[in-house]
C-alpha atoms as a PDB file:
ATOM      1  CA  LYS A   1      12.547   4.580  10.776  1.00  0.00           C
ATOM      2  CA  TYR A   2      11.207   1.559  11.920  1.00  0.00           C
ATOM      3  CA  GLY A   3      13.072  -0.679   9.117  1.00  0.00           C
ATOM      4  CA  GLU A   4      15.697  -2.074  12.035  1.00  0.00           C
ATOM      5  CA  LYS A   5      12.276  -2.879  14.252  1.00  0.00           C
ATOM      6  CA  GLY A   6      10.771  -4.993  11.199  1.00  0.00           C
ATOM      7  CA  PHE A   7       8.281  -2.883   9.479  1.00  0.00           C
ATOM      8  CA  GLU A   8       8.027  -3.343   6.368  1.00  0.00           C
ATOM      9  CA  VAL A   9       6.251  -1.298   2.803  1.00  0.00           C
ATOM     10  CA  ILE A  10       5.273  -3.348   0.025  1.00  0.00           C
ATOM     11  CA  GLY A  11       3.588  -1.525  -2.842  1.00  0.00           C
ATOM     12  CA  LEU A  12       1.277  -3.222  -5.093  1.00  0.00           C
ATOM     13  CA  ASN A  13       0.165  -2.212  -8.414  1.00  0.00           C
ATOM     14  CA  VAL A  14      -2.729  -3.025  -9.602  1.00  0.00           C
ATOM     15  CA  GLY A  15      -2.718  -2.564 -12.964  1.00  0.00           C
ATOM     16  CA  PHE A  16      -5.283  -0.449 -15.385  1.00  0.00           C
ATOM     17  CA  GLN A  17      -8.371   0.021 -13.464  1.00  0.00           C
ATOM     18  CA  GLU A  18     -10.460   0.041 -16.731  1.00  0.00           C
ATOM     19  CA  THR A  19      -9.525  -3.432 -17.905  1.00  0.00           C
ATOM     20  CA  ASP A  20      -7.817  -5.458 -15.187  1.00  0.00           C
ATOM     21  CA  GLU A  21      -4.601  -5.888 -17.127  1.00  0.00           C
ATOM     22  CA  PRO A  22      -1.125  -5.459 -15.603  1.00  0.00           C
ATOM     23  CA  GLU A  23       0.755  -2.485 -16.135  1.00  0.00           C
ATOM     24  CA  PRO A  24       4.156  -3.734 -18.141  1.00  0.00           C
ATOM     25  CA  ILE A  25       7.162  -4.091 -15.188  1.00  0.00           C
ATOM     26  CA  ASP A  26       9.264  -1.607 -16.892  1.00  0.00           C
ATOM     27  CA  ASP A  27       6.911   1.490 -16.778  1.00  0.00           C
ATOM     28  CA  ILE A  28       6.516   0.017 -12.678  1.00  0.00           C
ATOM     29  CA  ASN A  29       9.963   0.589 -12.137  1.00  0.00           C
ATOM     30  CA  ALA A  30      10.129   3.810 -14.055  1.00  0.00           C
ATOM     31  CA  PHE A  31       7.307   5.193 -11.800  1.00  0.00           C
ATOM     32  CA  ALA A  32       9.445   4.050  -8.761  1.00  0.00           C
ATOM     33  CA  LYS A  33      12.974   5.614  -9.883  1.00  0.00           C
ATOM     34  CA  LYS A  34      11.139   8.686 -10.594  1.00  0.00           C
ATOM     35  CA  MET A  35       9.605   8.896  -7.322  1.00  0.00           C
ATOM     36  CA  ARG A  36      12.507   7.131  -5.400  1.00  0.00           C
ATOM     37  CA  LEU A  37      10.956   4.658  -3.666  1.00  0.00           C
ATOM     38  CA  ASN A  38      12.467   3.181  -1.063  1.00  0.00           C
ATOM     39  CA  TYR A  39      10.409  -0.106  -0.659  1.00  0.00           C
ATOM     40  CA  GLU A  40       9.297  -3.220  -2.601  1.00  0.00           C
ATOM     41  CA  LEU A  41       6.342  -3.008  -5.373  1.00  0.00           C
ATOM     42  CA  ALA A  42       5.052  -6.090  -6.952  1.00  0.00           C
ATOM     43  CA  ARG A  43       1.943  -6.381  -9.399  1.00  0.00           C
ATOM     44  CA  VAL A  44      -1.120  -7.686  -7.686  1.00  0.00           C
ATOM     45  CA  GLN A  45      -3.958 -10.069  -9.513  1.00  0.00           C
ATOM     46  CA  PRO A  46      -6.790  -8.155 -10.060  1.00  0.00           C
ATOM     47  CA  GLU A  47      -9.219 -10.988  -7.919  1.00  0.00           C
ATOM     48  CA  ILE A  48      -6.532 -10.013  -4.764  1.00  0.00           C
ATOM     49  CA  SER A  49      -7.227  -6.308  -5.679  1.00  0.00           C
ATOM     50  CA  LYS A  50     -10.929  -7.033  -5.456  1.00  0.00           C
ATOM     51  CA  LYS A  51     -10.279  -8.811  -2.166  1.00  0.00           C
ATOM     52  CA  LEU A  52      -8.373  -5.487  -0.493  1.00  0.00           C
ATOM     53  CA  GLN A  53     -11.399  -3.557  -1.924  1.00  0.00           C
ATOM     54  CA  LYS A  54     -14.098  -5.565  -0.274  1.00  0.00           C
ATOM     55  CA  ILE A  55     -11.806  -5.213   3.152  1.00  0.00           C
ATOM     56  CA  ALA A  56     -11.517  -0.992   2.374  1.00  0.00           C
ATOM     57  CA  GLN A  57     -14.672  -1.102   1.058  1.00  0.00           C
ATOM     58  CA  ILE A  58     -14.103   1.392  -1.257  1.00  0.00           C
ATOM     59  CA  SER A  59     -12.842   1.116  -4.440  1.00  0.00           C
ATOM     60  CA  ALA A  60      -9.883   3.454  -4.852  1.00  0.00           C
ATOM     61  CA  VAL A  61      -6.256   4.314  -5.399  1.00  0.00           C
ATOM     62  CA  PRO A  62      -4.066   4.671  -3.618  1.00  0.00           C
ATOM     63  CA  GLU A  63      -5.036   2.616  -0.869  1.00  0.00           C
ATOM     64  CA  SER A  64      -2.750   1.845   2.220  1.00  0.00           C
ATOM     65  CA  PHE A  65      -2.952  -1.510   4.686  1.00  0.00           C
ATOM     66  CA  LEU A  66      -1.772  -1.483   7.704  1.00  0.00           C
ATOM     67  CA  VAL A  67      -1.187  -5.275   9.313  1.00  0.00           C
ATOM     68  CA  ASP A  68       0.707  -5.627  12.320  1.00  0.00           C
ATOM     69  CA  ARG A  69       3.175  -8.829  13.227  1.00  0.00           C
ATOM     70  CA  GLU A  70       0.355 -11.027  14.234  1.00  0.00           C
ATOM     71  CA  GLY A  71      -1.734 -10.497  10.814  1.00  0.00           C
ATOM     72  CA  LYS A  72      -4.335  -8.703  12.372  1.00  0.00           C
ATOM     73  CA  LEU A  73      -5.767  -5.241  10.007  1.00  0.00           C
ATOM     74  CA  ARG A  74      -4.852  -2.333  11.998  1.00  0.00           C
ATOM     75  CA  GLY A  75      -5.933   0.676   9.555  1.00  0.00           C
ATOM     76  CA  VAL A  76      -7.088   0.969   5.756  1.00  0.00           C
ATOM     77  CA  PHE A  77      -5.980   4.557   4.434  1.00  0.00           C
ATOM     78  CA  VAL A  78      -7.665   5.879   1.586  1.00  0.00           C
ATOM     79  CA  GLY A  79      -5.688   8.438  -0.691  1.00  0.00           C
ATOM     80  CA  GLY A  80      -2.642  10.512  -0.356  1.00  0.00           C
ATOM     81  CA  GLY A  81      -2.978  13.847   1.170  1.00  0.00           C
ATOM     82  CA  PRO A  82      -1.200  15.247   4.267  1.00  0.00           C
ATOM     83  CA  LYS A  83      -4.370  14.534   6.556  1.00  0.00           C
ATOM     84  CA  VAL A  84      -4.342  10.824   5.387  1.00  0.00           C
ATOM     85  CA  ILE A  85      -0.175  10.989   5.512  1.00  0.00           C
ATOM     86  CA  ALA A  86      -0.425  12.293   9.306  1.00  0.00           C
ATOM     87  CA  THR A  87      -3.234   9.585  10.182  1.00  0.00           C
ATOM     88  CA  LEU A  88      -0.717   6.708   8.785  1.00  0.00           C
ATOM     89  CA  LYS A  89       1.989   7.856  10.167  1.00  0.00           C
ATOM     90  CA  THR A  90       0.230   8.681  13.954  1.00  0.00           C
ATOM     91  CA  THR A  91      -1.014   4.650  13.630  1.00  0.00           C
ATOM     92  CA  VAL A  92       2.226   3.309  12.354  1.00  0.00           C
ATOM     93  CA  ASP A  93       4.203   4.833  15.054  1.00  0.00           C
ATOM     94  CA  ARG A  94       1.199   3.662  17.851  1.00  0.00           C
ATOM     95  CA  VAL A  95       1.461   0.142  16.806  1.00  0.00           C
ATOM     96  CA  MET A  96       4.973   0.057  16.074  1.00  0.00           C
ATOM     97  CA  ALA A  97       5.167   1.412  19.878  1.00  0.00           C
ATOM     98  CA  GLU A  98       3.118  -1.626  21.489  1.00  0.00           C
END
């Protein structure tokens, strides 16, 4: 919806939470294909994942972080249910309208 306006989604794979081991690239690509994802995916190192958890003040998957053009954190969304997704969409609409 906002791709032409510069909006980007990047999915970060945090690996196996129990061991901090990275998930194999082939498994990540298979998941993306199965789920028909249309955005970039990357693996994130455990130390970055821990920093994101500190920002979110929770350790959960999935977590979504909305960062504006100036690099300001505009929202943290935990989970993927209908209510969280609706709130995320509303927040993206508001930020993109600014």
